[in-house]
Amino acid sequence: MPRLKSDDTDQVSNGIDLTSLSFQERLAIGLMRLKAQRRLTNKDLADQLGVSEAYMSQVTRGMRDVKLSTLDKMQREWNVTIEDLFKISESDLARIAAWRARQKKKKIPDELR
């Protein structure tokens, strides 16, 4: 998956390289932020978009690509811009750290835990 072009907004004070995040990962972080702000579940988001909860779960974990038509539906249904869904800010750093920790934990074989 292509990475976003680097600019000054992608460098944050704690040194996390946000340019290393794929579009899928950025969308996952944006959806986590939206869910937290609006106190919604994957089921709530799925119902609003008319998709399955399993599909929404995969999207919010950065495991699934979305169509442009789905992104358009997201921004219309949730009254946000597509840019807002991909934007990463300082306030998202904790979400990124938690998300990366979950990803690393999944990659460790059971016999090594």
PDB file of N, CA and C in Angstrom:
ATOM      1  N   MET A   1       0.845  -1.178   0.000  1.00  0.00           N
ATOM      2  CA  MET A   1       0.000   0.000   0.000  1.00  0.00           C
ATOM      3  C   MET A   1       0.889   1.239   0.000  1.00  0.00           C
ATOM      4  N   PRO A   2       0.596   2.233  -0.851  1.00  0.00           N
ATOM      5  CA  PRO A   2       1.422   3.435  -0.907  1.00  0.00           C
ATOM      6  C   PRO A   2       1.394   4.219   0.395  1.00  0.00           C
ATOM      7  N   ARG A   3       2.448   4.918   0.639  1.00  0.00           N
ATOM      8  CA  ARG A   3       2.554   5.775   1.813  1.00  0.00           C
ATOM      9  C   ARG A   3       2.254   7.211   1.396  1.00  0.00           C
ATOM     10  N   LEU A   4       1.874   8.017   2.349  1.00  0.00           N
ATOM     11  CA  LEU A   4       1.610   9.424   2.064  1.00  0.00           C
ATOM     12  C   LEU A   4       2.911  10.184   1.940  1.00  0.00           C
ATOM     13  N   LYS A   5       2.902  11.204   1.109  1.00  0.00           N
ATOM     14  CA  LYS A   5       4.060  12.061   0.951  1.00  0.00           C
ATOM     15  C   LYS A   5       4.358  12.776   2.265  1.00  0.00           C
ATOM     16  N   SER A   6       5.602  12.859   2.615  1.00  0.00           N
ATOM     17  CA  SER A   6       6.003  13.491   3.867  1.00  0.00           C
ATOM     18  C   SER A   6       5.814  15.001   3.803  1.00  0.00           C
ATOM     19  N   ASP A   7       5.302  15.553   4.884  1.00  0.00           N
ATOM     20  CA  ASP A   7       5.264  16.995   5.056  1.00  0.00           C
ATOM     21  C   ASP A   7       5.418  17.293   6.534  1.00  0.00           C
ATOM     22  N   ASP A   8       5.459  18.561   6.892  1.00  0.00           N
ATOM     23  CA  ASP A   8       5.718  18.947   8.277  1.00  0.00           C
ATOM     24  C   ASP A   8       4.663  18.430   9.248  1.00  0.00           C
ATOM     25  N   THR A   9       3.432  18.235   8.804  1.00  0.00           N
ATOM     26  CA  THR A   9       2.380  17.783   9.715  1.00  0.00           C
ATOM     27  C   THR A   9       2.542  16.322  10.080  1.00  0.00           C
ATOM     28  N   ASP A  10       3.393  15.612   9.363  1.00  0.00           N
ATOM     29  CA  ASP A  10       3.595  14.194   9.645  1.00  0.00           C
ATOM     30  C   ASP A  10       4.691  13.947  10.674  1.00  0.00           C
ATOM     31  N   GLN A  11       5.342  14.973  11.133  1.00  0.00           N
ATOM     32  CA  GLN A  11       6.372  14.829  12.144  1.00  0.00           C
ATOM     33  C   GLN A  11       5.832  15.371  13.466  1.00  0.00           C
ATOM     34  N   VAL A  12       5.761  14.529  14.454  1.00  0.00           N
ATOM     35  CA  VAL A  12       5.238  14.951  15.745  1.00  0.00           C
ATOM     36  C   VAL A  12       6.350  14.938  16.778  1.00  0.00           C
ATOM     37  N   SER A  13       6.105  15.596  17.890  1.00  0.00           N
ATOM     38  CA  SER A  13       7.156  15.858  18.869  1.00  0.00           C
ATOM     39  C   SER A  13       7.774  14.609  19.482  1.00  0.00           C
ATOM     40  N   ASN A  14       7.057  13.495  19.543  1.00  0.00           N
ATOM     41  CA  ASN A  14       7.629  12.327  20.205  1.00  0.00           C
ATOM     42  C   ASN A  14       8.438  11.437  19.270  1.00  0.00           C
ATOM     43  N   GLY A  15       8.571  11.832  18.014  1.00  0.00           N
ATOM     44  CA  GLY A  15       9.432  11.103  17.103  1.00  0.00           C
ATOM     45  C   GLY A  15       8.789   9.969  16.337  1.00  0.00           C
ATOM     46  N   ILE A  16       7.504   9.715  16.509  1.00  0.00           N
ATOM     47  CA  ILE A  16       6.839   8.680  15.717  1.00  0.00           C
ATOM     48  C   ILE A  16       6.785   9.153  14.274  1.00  0.00           C
ATOM     49  N   ASP A  17       7.225   8.317  13.363  1.00  0.00           N
ATOM     50  CA  ASP A  17       7.208   8.655  11.948  1.00  0.00           C
ATOM     51  C   ASP A  17       5.844   8.304  11.373  1.00  0.00           C
ATOM     52  N   LEU A  18       4.987   9.303  11.260  1.00  0.00           N
ATOM     53  CA  LEU A  18       3.633   9.072  10.781  1.00  0.00           C
ATOM     54  C   LEU A  18       3.589   8.773   9.297  1.00  0.00           C
ATOM     55  N   THR A  19       4.667   9.083   8.575  1.00  0.00           N
ATOM     56  CA  THR A  19       4.692   8.785   7.148  1.00  0.00           C
ATOM     57  C   THR A  19       4.775   7.283   6.898  1.00  0.00           C
ATOM     58  N   SER A  20       5.102   6.511   7.919  1.00  0.00           N
ATOM     59  CA  SER A  20       5.189   5.068   7.756  1.00  0.00           C
ATOM     60  C   SER A  20       3.811   4.402   7.796  1.00  0.00           C
ATOM     61  N   LEU A  21       2.776   5.175   8.138  1.00  0.00           N
ATOM     62  CA  LEU A  21       1.424   4.619   8.202  1.00  0.00           C
ATOM     63  C   LEU A  21       0.825   4.540   6.802  1.00  0.00           C
ATOM     64  N   SER A  22       0.235   3.397   6.471  1.00  0.00           N
ATOM     65  CA  SER A  22      -0.444   3.247   5.186  1.00  0.00           C
ATOM     66  C   SER A  22      -1.793   3.961   5.236  1.00  0.00           C
ATOM     67  N   PHE A  23      -2.441   4.082   4.092  1.00  0.00           N
ATOM     68  CA  PHE A  23      -3.775   4.676   4.046  1.00  0.00           C
ATOM     69  C   PHE A  23      -4.746   3.872   4.899  1.00  0.00           C
ATOM     70  N   GLN A  24      -4.638   2.546   4.850  1.00  0.00           N
ATOM     71  CA  GLN A  24      -5.501   1.679   5.659  1.00  0.00           C
ATOM     72  C   GLN A  24      -5.311   1.964   7.139  1.00  0.00           C
ATOM     73  N   GLU A  25      -4.054   2.104   7.557  1.00  0.00           N
ATOM     74  CA  GLU A  25      -3.763   2.373   8.961  1.00  0.00           C
ATOM     75  C   GLU A  25      -4.251   3.747   9.382  1.00  0.00           C
ATOM     76  N   ARG A  26      -4.069   4.736   8.516  1.00  0.00           N
ATOM     77  CA  ARG A  26      -4.562   6.080   8.816  1.00  0.00           C
ATOM     78  C   ARG A  26      -6.073   6.092   8.960  1.00  0.00           C
ATOM     79  N   LEU A  27      -6.762   5.393   8.074  1.00  0.00           N
ATOM     80  CA  LEU A  27      -8.218   5.325   8.164  1.00  0.00           C
ATOM     81  C   LEU A  27      -8.636   4.613   9.452  1.00  0.00           C
ATOM     82  N   ALA A  28      -7.926   3.551   9.803  1.00  0.00           N
ATOM     83  CA  ALA A  28      -8.234   2.834  11.049  1.00  0.00           C
ATOM     84  C   ALA A  28      -8.104   3.765  12.256  1.00  0.00           C
ATOM     85  N   ILE A  29      -7.049   4.565  12.287  1.00  0.00           N
ATOM     86  CA  ILE A  29      -6.857   5.518  13.391  1.00  0.00           C
ATOM     87  C   ILE A  29      -7.965   6.567  13.375  1.00  0.00           C
ATOM     88  N   GLY A  30      -8.304   7.077  12.192  1.00  0.00           N
ATOM     89  CA  GLY A  30      -9.378   8.054  12.076  1.00  0.00           C
ATOM     90  C   GLY A  30     -10.718   7.500  12.536  1.00  0.00           C
ATOM     91  N   LEU A  31     -10.980   6.241  12.202  1.00  0.00           N
ATOM     92  CA  LEU A  31     -12.238   5.617  12.633  1.00  0.00           C
ATOM     93  C   LEU A  31     -12.240   5.363  14.138  1.00  0.00           C
ATOM     94  N   MET A  32     -11.089   5.012  14.697  1.00  0.00           N
ATOM     95  CA  MET A  32     -11.001   4.857  16.157  1.00  0.00           C
ATOM     96  C   MET A  32     -11.320   6.183  16.843  1.00  0.00           C
ATOM     97  N   ARG A  33     -10.781   7.270  16.288  1.00  0.00           N
ATOM     98  CA  ARG A  33     -11.046   8.595  16.848  1.00  0.00           C
ATOM     99  C   ARG A  33     -12.533   8.938  16.749  1.00  0.00           C
ATOM    100  N   LEU A  34     -13.136   8.691  15.603  1.00  0.00           N
ATOM    101  CA  LEU A  34     -14.556   8.957  15.399  1.00  0.00           C
ATOM    102  C   LEU A  34     -15.410   8.150  16.373  1.00  0.00           C
ATOM    103  N   LYS A  35     -15.063   6.870  16.522  1.00  0.00           N
ATOM    104  CA  LYS A  35     -15.805   6.013  17.460  1.00  0.00           C
ATOM    105  C   LYS A  35     -15.701   6.536  18.879  1.00  0.00           C
ATOM    106  N   ALA A  36     -14.504   6.954  19.280  1.00  0.00           N
ATOM    107  CA  ALA A  36     -14.304   7.457  20.642  1.00  0.00           C
ATOM    108  C   ALA A  36     -15.065   8.766  20.862  1.00  0.00           C
ATOM    109  N   GLN A  37     -14.991   9.666  19.894  1.00  0.00           N
ATOM    110  CA  GLN A  37     -15.652  10.964  20.037  1.00  0.00           C
ATOM    111  C   GLN A  37     -17.172  10.821  20.120  1.00  0.00           C
ATOM    112  N   ARG A  38     -17.703   9.898  19.336  1.00  0.00           N
ATOM    113  CA  ARG A  38     -19.165   9.757  19.251  1.00  0.00           C
ATOM    114  C   ARG A  38     -19.706   8.591  20.073  1.00  0.00           C
ATOM    115  N   ARG A  39     -18.788   7.901  20.756  1.00  0.00           N
ATOM    116  CA  ARG A  39     -19.156   6.750  21.581  1.00  0.00           C
ATOM    117  C   ARG A  39     -19.969   5.725  20.785  1.00  0.00           C
ATOM    118  N   LEU A  40     -19.370   5.300  19.667  1.00  0.00           N
ATOM    119  CA  LEU A  40     -19.999   4.344  18.773  1.00  0.00           C
ATOM    120  C   LEU A  40     -19.219   3.039  18.756  1.00  0.00           C
ATOM    121  N   THR A  41     -19.872   1.983  18.351  1.00  0.00           N
ATOM    122  CA  THR A  41     -19.238   0.679  18.174  1.00  0.00           C
ATOM    123  C   THR A  41     -19.092   0.399  16.681  1.00  0.00           C
ATOM    124  N   ASN A  42     -18.358  -0.655  16.353  1.00  0.00           N
ATOM    125  CA  ASN A  42     -18.271  -1.074  14.953  1.00  0.00           C
ATOM    126  C   ASN A  42     -19.663  -1.401  14.413  1.00  0.00           C
ATOM    127  N   LYS A  43     -20.505  -1.989  15.253  1.00  0.00           N
ATOM    128  CA  LYS A  43     -21.866  -2.308  14.829  1.00  0.00           C
ATOM    129  C   LYS A  43     -22.633  -1.037  14.487  1.00  0.00           C
ATOM    130  N   ASP A  44     -22.495  -0.007  15.313  1.00  0.00           N
ATOM    131  CA  ASP A  44     -23.153   1.275  15.036  1.00  0.00           C
ATOM    132  C   ASP A  44     -22.695   1.835  13.688  1.00  0.00           C
ATOM    133  N   LEU A  45     -21.378   1.845  13.469  1.00  0.00           N
ATOM    134  CA  LEU A  45     -20.836   2.366  12.217  1.00  0.00           C
ATOM    135  C   LEU A  45     -21.325   1.543  11.031  1.00  0.00           C
ATOM    136  N   ALA A  46     -21.312   0.235  11.184  1.00  0.00           N
ATOM    137  CA  ALA A  46     -21.755  -0.653  10.106  1.00  0.00           C
ATOM    138  C   ALA A  46     -23.228  -0.411   9.776  1.00  0.00           C
ATOM    139  N   ASP A  47     -24.060  -0.293  10.795  1.00  0.00           N
ATOM    140  CA  ASP A  47     -25.485  -0.044  10.574  1.00  0.00           C
ATOM    141  C   ASP A  47     -25.697   1.270   9.827  1.00  0.00           C
ATOM    142  N   GLN A  48     -24.942   2.288  10.191  1.00  0.00           N
ATOM    143  CA  GLN A  48     -25.081   3.594   9.547  1.00  0.00           C
ATOM    144  C   GLN A  48     -24.688   3.554   8.074  1.00  0.00           C
ATOM    145  N   LEU A  49     -23.723   2.685   7.736  1.00  0.00           N
ATOM    146  CA  LEU A  49     -23.252   2.588   6.353  1.00  0.00           C
ATOM    147  C   LEU A  49     -23.967   1.509   5.557  1.00  0.00           C
ATOM    148  N   GLY A  50     -24.695   0.635   6.243  1.00  0.00           N
ATOM    149  CA  GLY A  50     -25.359  -0.465   5.553  1.00  0.00           C
ATOM    150  C   GLY A  50     -24.396  -1.559   5.133  1.00  0.00           C
ATOM    151  N   VAL A  51     -23.360  -1.779   5.960  1.00  0.00           N
ATOM    152  CA  VAL A  51     -22.386  -2.848   5.699  1.00  0.00           C
ATOM    153  C   VAL A  51     -22.392  -3.800   6.898  1.00  0.00           C
ATOM    154  N   SER A  52     -21.685  -4.897   6.771  1.00  0.00           N
ATOM    155  CA  SER A  52     -21.649  -5.860   7.873  1.00  0.00           C
ATOM    156  C   SER A  52     -20.717  -5.392   8.980  1.00  0.00           C
ATOM    157  N   GLU A  53     -20.985  -5.866  10.178  1.00  0.00           N
ATOM    158  CA  GLU A  53     -20.125  -5.547  11.315  1.00  0.00           C
ATOM    159  C   GLU A  53     -18.733  -6.133  11.107  1.00  0.00           C
ATOM    160  N   ALA A  54     -18.648  -7.310  10.505  1.00  0.00           N
ATOM    161  CA  ALA A  54     -17.351  -7.944  10.244  1.00  0.00           C
ATOM    162  C   ALA A  54     -16.504  -7.079   9.301  1.00  0.00           C
ATOM    163  N   TYR A  55     -17.133  -6.557   8.259  1.00  0.00           N
ATOM    164  CA  TYR A  55     -16.437  -5.673   7.323  1.00  0.00           C
ATOM    165  C   TYR A  55     -15.919  -4.432   8.055  1.00  0.00           C
ATOM    166  N   MET A  56     -16.787  -3.820   8.866  1.00  0.00           N
ATOM    167  CA  MET A  56     -16.401  -2.610   9.594  1.00  0.00           C
ATOM    168  C   MET A  56     -15.260  -2.912  10.554  1.00  0.00           C
ATOM    169  N   SER A  57     -15.300  -4.059  11.195  1.00  0.00           N
ATOM    170  CA  SER A  57     -14.237  -4.462  12.104  1.00  0.00           C
ATOM    171  C   SER A  57     -12.907  -4.563  11.369  1.00  0.00           C
ATOM    172  N   GLN A  58     -12.927  -5.159  10.180  1.00  0.00           N
ATOM    173  CA  GLN A  58     -11.699  -5.285   9.399  1.00  0.00           C
ATOM    174  C   GLN A  58     -11.161  -3.921   8.974  1.00  0.00           C
ATOM    175  N   VAL A  59     -12.052  -3.016   8.612  1.00  0.00           N
ATOM    176  CA  VAL A  59     -11.638  -1.669   8.209  1.00  0.00           C
ATOM    177  C   VAL A  59     -11.036  -0.939   9.402  1.00  0.00           C
ATOM    178  N   THR A  60     -11.671  -1.047  10.568  1.00  0.00           N
ATOM    179  CA  THR A  60     -11.177  -0.324  11.744  1.00  0.00           C
ATOM    180  C   THR A  60      -9.895  -0.936  12.311  1.00  0.00           C
ATOM    181  N   ARG A  61      -9.527  -2.121  11.846  1.00  0.00           N
ATOM    182  CA  ARG A  61      -8.254  -2.716  12.249  1.00  0.00           C
ATOM    183  C   ARG A  61      -7.189  -2.564  11.169  1.00  0.00           C
ATOM    184  N   GLY A  62      -7.525  -1.855  10.085  1.00  0.00           N
ATOM    185  CA  GLY A  62      -6.561  -1.627   9.015  1.00  0.00           C
ATOM    186  C   GLY A  62      -6.287  -2.849   8.179  1.00  0.00           C
ATOM    187  N   MET A  63      -7.218  -3.788   8.154  1.00  0.00           N
ATOM    188  CA  MET A  63      -7.023  -5.054   7.454  1.00  0.00           C
ATOM    189  C   MET A  63      -7.775  -5.120   6.123  1.00  0.00           C
ATOM    190  N   ARG A  64      -8.512  -4.085   5.806  1.00  0.00           N
ATOM    191  CA  ARG A  64      -9.368  -4.142   4.627  1.00  0.00           C
ATOM    192  C   ARG A  64      -9.321  -2.820   3.881  1.00  0.00           C
ATOM    193  N   ASP A  65      -9.231  -2.896   2.565  1.00  0.00           N
ATOM    194  CA  ASP A  65      -9.330  -1.705   1.731  1.00  0.00           C
ATOM    195  C   ASP A  65     -10.791  -1.287   1.649  1.00  0.00           C
ATOM    196  N   VAL A  66     -11.013  -0.013   1.405  1.00  0.00           N
ATOM    197  CA  VAL A  66     -12.376   0.470   1.184  1.00  0.00           C
ATOM    198  C   VAL A  66     -12.451   1.114  -0.190  1.00  0.00           C
ATOM    199  N   LYS A  67     -13.613   1.044  -0.785  1.00  0.00           N
ATOM    200  CA  LYS A  67     -13.847   1.683  -2.072  1.00  0.00           C
ATOM    201  C   LYS A  67     -14.004   3.186  -1.864  1.00  0.00           C
ATOM    202  N   LEU A  68     -13.748   3.936  -2.915  1.00  0.00           N
ATOM    203  CA  LEU A  68     -13.979   5.374  -2.844  1.00  0.00           C
ATOM    204  C   LEU A  68     -15.442   5.671  -2.563  1.00  0.00           C
ATOM    205  N   SER A  69     -16.328   4.853  -3.093  1.00  0.00           N
ATOM    206  CA  SER A  69     -17.755   5.068  -2.841  1.00  0.00           C
ATOM    207  C   SER A  69     -18.084   4.872  -1.360  1.00  0.00           C
ATOM    208  N   THR A  70     -17.370   3.965  -0.696  1.00  0.00           N
ATOM    209  CA  THR A  70     -17.573   3.763   0.739  1.00  0.00           C
ATOM    210  C   THR A  70     -17.037   4.946   1.526  1.00  0.00           C
ATOM    211  N   LEU A  71     -15.877   5.471   1.131  1.00  0.00           N
ATOM    212  CA  LEU A  71     -15.347   6.675   1.773  1.00  0.00           C
ATOM    213  C   LEU A  71     -16.308   7.846   1.605  1.00  0.00           C
ATOM    214  N   ASP A  72     -16.873   7.962   0.416  1.00  0.00           N
ATOM    215  CA  ASP A  72     -17.844   9.025   0.164  1.00  0.00           C
ATOM    216  C   ASP A  72     -19.063   8.859   1.067  1.00  0.00           C
ATOM    217  N   LYS A  73     -19.522   7.637   1.203  1.00  0.00           N
ATOM    218  CA  LYS A  73     -20.669   7.360   2.075  1.00  0.00           C
ATOM    219  C   LYS A  73     -20.338   7.684   3.534  1.00  0.00           C
ATOM    220  N   MET A  74     -19.110   7.357   3.962  1.00  0.00           N
ATOM    221  CA  MET A  74     -18.680   7.660   5.330  1.00  0.00           C
ATOM    222  C   MET A  74     -18.745   9.163   5.587  1.00  0.00           C
ATOM    223  N   GLN A  75     -18.172   9.950   4.684  1.00  0.00           N
ATOM    224  CA  GLN A  75     -18.119  11.390   4.915  1.00  0.00           C
ATOM    225  C   GLN A  75     -19.505  12.007   4.867  1.00  0.00           C
ATOM    226  N   ARG A  76     -20.381  11.490   4.038  1.00  0.00           N
ATOM    227  CA  ARG A  76     -21.749  12.029   3.978  1.00  0.00           C
ATOM    228  C   ARG A  76     -22.559  11.612   5.203  1.00  0.00           C
ATOM    229  N   GLU A  77     -22.470  10.351   5.573  1.00  0.00           N
ATOM    230  CA  GLU A  77     -23.265   9.822   6.690  1.00  0.00           C
ATOM    231  C   GLU A  77     -22.825  10.417   8.030  1.00  0.00           C
ATOM    232  N   TRP A  78     -21.516  10.594   8.200  1.00  0.00           N
ATOM    233  CA  TRP A  78     -20.985  11.027   9.488  1.00  0.00           C
ATOM    234  C   TRP A  78     -20.676  12.517   9.535  1.00  0.00           C
ATOM    235  N   ASN A  79     -20.922  13.217   8.407  1.00  0.00           N
ATOM    236  CA  ASN A  79     -20.702  14.656   8.337  1.00  0.00           C
ATOM    237  C   ASN A  79     -19.262  15.047   8.706  1.00  0.00           C
ATOM    238  N   VAL A  80     -18.322  14.344   8.089  1.00  0.00           N
ATOM    239  CA  VAL A  80     -16.899  14.626   8.235  1.00  0.00           C
ATOM    240  C   VAL A  80     -16.295  14.693   6.840  1.00  0.00           C
ATOM    241  N   THR A  81     -15.104  15.242   6.738  1.00  0.00           N
ATOM    242  CA  THR A  81     -14.428  15.221   5.446  1.00  0.00           C
ATOM    243  C   THR A  81     -13.585  13.951   5.351  1.00  0.00           C
ATOM    244  N   ILE A  82     -13.318  13.551   4.142  1.00  0.00           N
ATOM    245  CA  ILE A  82     -12.450  12.388   3.953  1.00  0.00           C
ATOM    246  C   ILE A  82     -11.074  12.692   4.539  1.00  0.00           C
ATOM    247  N   GLU A  83     -10.640  13.929   4.385  1.00  0.00           N
ATOM    248  CA  GLU A  83      -9.354  14.338   4.962  1.00  0.00           C
ATOM    249  C   GLU A  83      -9.345  14.120   6.477  1.00  0.00           C
ATOM    250  N   ASP A  84     -10.458  14.425   7.146  1.00  0.00           N
ATOM    251  CA  ASP A  84     -10.543  14.217   8.590  1.00  0.00           C
ATOM    252  C   ASP A  84     -10.350  12.752   8.969  1.00  0.00           C
ATOM    253  N   LEU A  85     -10.833  11.855   8.124  1.00  0.00           N
ATOM    254  CA  LEU A  85     -10.707  10.430   8.418  1.00  0.00           C
ATOM    255  C   LEU A  85      -9.268   9.940   8.288  1.00  0.00           C
ATOM    256  N   PHE A  86      -8.455  10.628   7.478  1.00  0.00           N
ATOM    257  CA  PHE A  86      -7.065  10.221   7.266  1.00  0.00           C
ATOM    258  C   PHE A  86      -6.066  11.057   8.052  1.00  0.00           C
ATOM    259  N   LYS A  87      -6.519  12.150   8.619  1.00  0.00           N
ATOM    260  CA  LYS A  87      -5.633  13.069   9.329  1.00  0.00           C
ATOM    261  C   LYS A  87      -5.184  12.465  10.661  1.00  0.00           C
ATOM    262  N   ILE A  88      -3.909  12.603  10.951  1.00  0.00           N
ATOM    263  CA  ILE A  88      -3.345  12.119  12.210  1.00  0.00           C
ATOM    264  C   ILE A  88      -2.800  13.330  12.956  1.00  0.00           C
ATOM    265  N   SER A  89      -3.124  13.428  14.245  1.00  0.00           N
ATOM    266  CA  SER A  89      -2.661  14.557  15.041  1.00  0.00           C
ATOM    267  C   SER A  89      -2.007  14.047  16.318  1.00  0.00           C
ATOM    268  N   GLU A  90      -1.488  14.974  17.092  1.00  0.00           N
ATOM    269  CA  GLU A  90      -0.845  14.629  18.366  1.00  0.00           C
ATOM    270  C   GLU A  90      -1.796  13.855  19.280  1.00  0.00           C
ATOM    271  N   SER A  91      -3.077  14.206  19.225  1.00  0.00           N
ATOM    272  CA  SER A  91      -4.044  13.537  20.097  1.00  0.00           C
ATOM    273  C   SER A  91      -4.256  12.068  19.725  1.00  0.00           C
ATOM    274  N   ASP A  92      -3.799  11.664  18.540  1.00  0.00           N
ATOM    275  CA  ASP A  92      -3.943  10.271  18.102  1.00  0.00           C
ATOM    276  C   ASP A  92      -2.759   9.392  18.497  1.00  0.00           C
ATOM    277  N   LEU A  93      -1.744   9.974  19.093  1.00  0.00           N
ATOM    278  CA  LEU A  93      -0.525   9.210  19.389  1.00  0.00           C
ATOM    279  C   LEU A  93      -0.785   8.021  20.307  1.00  0.00           C
ATOM    280  N   ALA A  94      -1.635   8.189  21.299  1.00  0.00           N
ATOM    281  CA  ALA A  94      -1.950   7.075  22.202  1.00  0.00           C
ATOM    282  C   ALA A  94      -2.658   5.960  21.430  1.00  0.00           C
ATOM    283  N   ARG A  95      -3.552   6.338  20.516  1.00  0.00           N
ATOM    284  CA  ARG A  95      -4.248   5.331  19.694  1.00  0.00           C
ATOM    285  C   ARG A  95      -3.252   4.569  18.823  1.00  0.00           C
ATOM    286  N   ILE A  96      -2.302   5.298  18.258  1.00  0.00           N
ATOM    287  CA  ILE A  96      -1.290   4.664  17.406  1.00  0.00           C
ATOM    288  C   ILE A  96      -0.438   3.701  18.221  1.00  0.00           C
ATOM    289  N   ALA A  97      -0.014   4.131  19.404  1.00  0.00           N
ATOM    290  CA  ALA A  97       0.812   3.268  20.266  1.00  0.00           C
ATOM    291  C   ALA A  97       0.044   2.011  20.651  1.00  0.00           C
ATOM    292  N   ALA A  98      -1.215   2.163  21.032  1.00  0.00           N
ATOM    293  CA  ALA A  98      -2.029   0.994  21.414  1.00  0.00           C
ATOM    294  C   ALA A  98      -2.254   0.087  20.216  1.00  0.00           C
ATOM    295  N   TRP A  99      -2.508   0.677  19.066  1.00  0.00           N
ATOM    296  CA  TRP A  99      -2.754  -0.101  17.859  1.00  0.00           C
ATOM    297  C   TRP A  99      -1.505  -0.892  17.466  1.00  0.00           C
ATOM    298  N   ARG A 100      -0.344  -0.243  17.525  1.00  0.00           N
ATOM    299  CA  ARG A 100       0.913  -0.926  17.186  1.00  0.00           C
ATOM    300  C   ARG A 100       1.230  -2.029  18.190  1.00  0.00           C
ATOM    301  N   ALA A 101       0.925  -1.805  19.461  1.00  0.00           N
ATOM    302  CA  ALA A 101       1.162  -2.834  20.479  1.00  0.00           C
ATOM    303  C   ALA A 101       0.314  -4.068  20.196  1.00  0.00           C
ATOM    304  N   ARG A 102      -0.937  -3.854  19.801  1.00  0.00           N
ATOM    305  CA  ARG A 102      -1.812  -4.992  19.462  1.00  0.00           C
ATOM    306  C   ARG A 102      -1.287  -5.730  18.250  1.00  0.00           C
ATOM    307  N   GLN A 103      -0.775  -4.985  17.258  1.00  0.00           N
ATOM    308  CA  GLN A 103      -0.240  -5.611  16.056  1.00  0.00           C
ATOM    309  C   GLN A 103       0.986  -6.460  16.378  1.00  0.00           C
ATOM    310  N   LYS A 104       1.881  -5.934  17.214  1.00  0.00           N
ATOM    311  CA  LYS A 104       3.092  -6.672  17.584  1.00  0.00           C
ATOM    312  C   LYS A 104       2.745  -7.918  18.382  1.00  0.00           C
ATOM    313  N   LYS A 105       1.777  -7.797  19.278  1.00  0.00           N
ATOM    314  CA  LYS A 105       1.368  -8.927  20.108  1.00  0.00           C
ATOM    315  C   LYS A 105       0.830 -10.060  19.244  1.00  0.00           C
ATOM    316  N   LYS A 106       0.117  -9.734  18.200  1.00  0.00           N
ATOM    317  CA  LYS A 106      -0.438 -10.749  17.301  1.00  0.00           C
ATOM    318  C   LYS A 106       0.647 -11.472  16.520  1.00  0.00           C
ATOM    319  N   LYS A 107       1.771 -10.790  16.265  1.00  0.00           N
ATOM    320  CA  LYS A 107       2.841 -11.382  15.459  1.00  0.00           C
ATOM    321  C   LYS A 107       3.762 -12.304  16.257  1.00  0.00           C
ATOM    322  N   ILE A 108       3.692 -12.250  17.582  1.00  0.00           N
ATOM    323  CA  ILE A 108       4.549 -13.090  18.415  1.00  0.00           C
ATOM    324  C   ILE A 108       3.922 -14.486  18.505  1.00  0.00           C
ATOM    325  N   PRO A 109       4.665 -15.539  18.102  1.00  0.00           N
ATOM    326  CA  PRO A 109       4.126 -16.893  18.201  1.00  0.00           C
ATOM    327  C   PRO A 109       3.797 -17.253  19.664  1.00  0.00           C
ATOM    328  N   ASP A 110       2.768 -18.052  19.860  1.00  0.00           N
ATOM    329  CA  ASP A 110       2.321 -18.433  21.201  1.00  0.00           C
ATOM    330  C   ASP A 110       3.431 -19.044  22.047  1.00  0.00           C
ATOM    331  N   GLU A 111       4.302 -19.837  21.423  1.00  0.00           N
ATOM    332  CA  GLU A 111       5.344 -20.504  22.209  1.00  0.00           C
ATOM    333  C   GLU A 111       6.392 -19.525  22.734  1.00  0.00           C
ATOM    334  N   LEU A 112       6.447 -18.323  22.178  1.00  0.00           N
ATOM    335  CA  LEU A 112       7.393 -17.323  22.645  1.00  0.00           C
ATOM    336  C   LEU A 112       6.812 -16.382  23.694  1.00  0.00           C
ATOM    337  N   ARG A 113       5.516 -16.457  23.930  1.00  0.00           N
ATOM    338  CA  ARG A 113       4.875 -15.569  24.923  1.00  0.00           C
ATOM    339  C   ARG A 113       5.048 -16.085  26.311  1.00  0.00           C
TER     340      ARG A 113
END
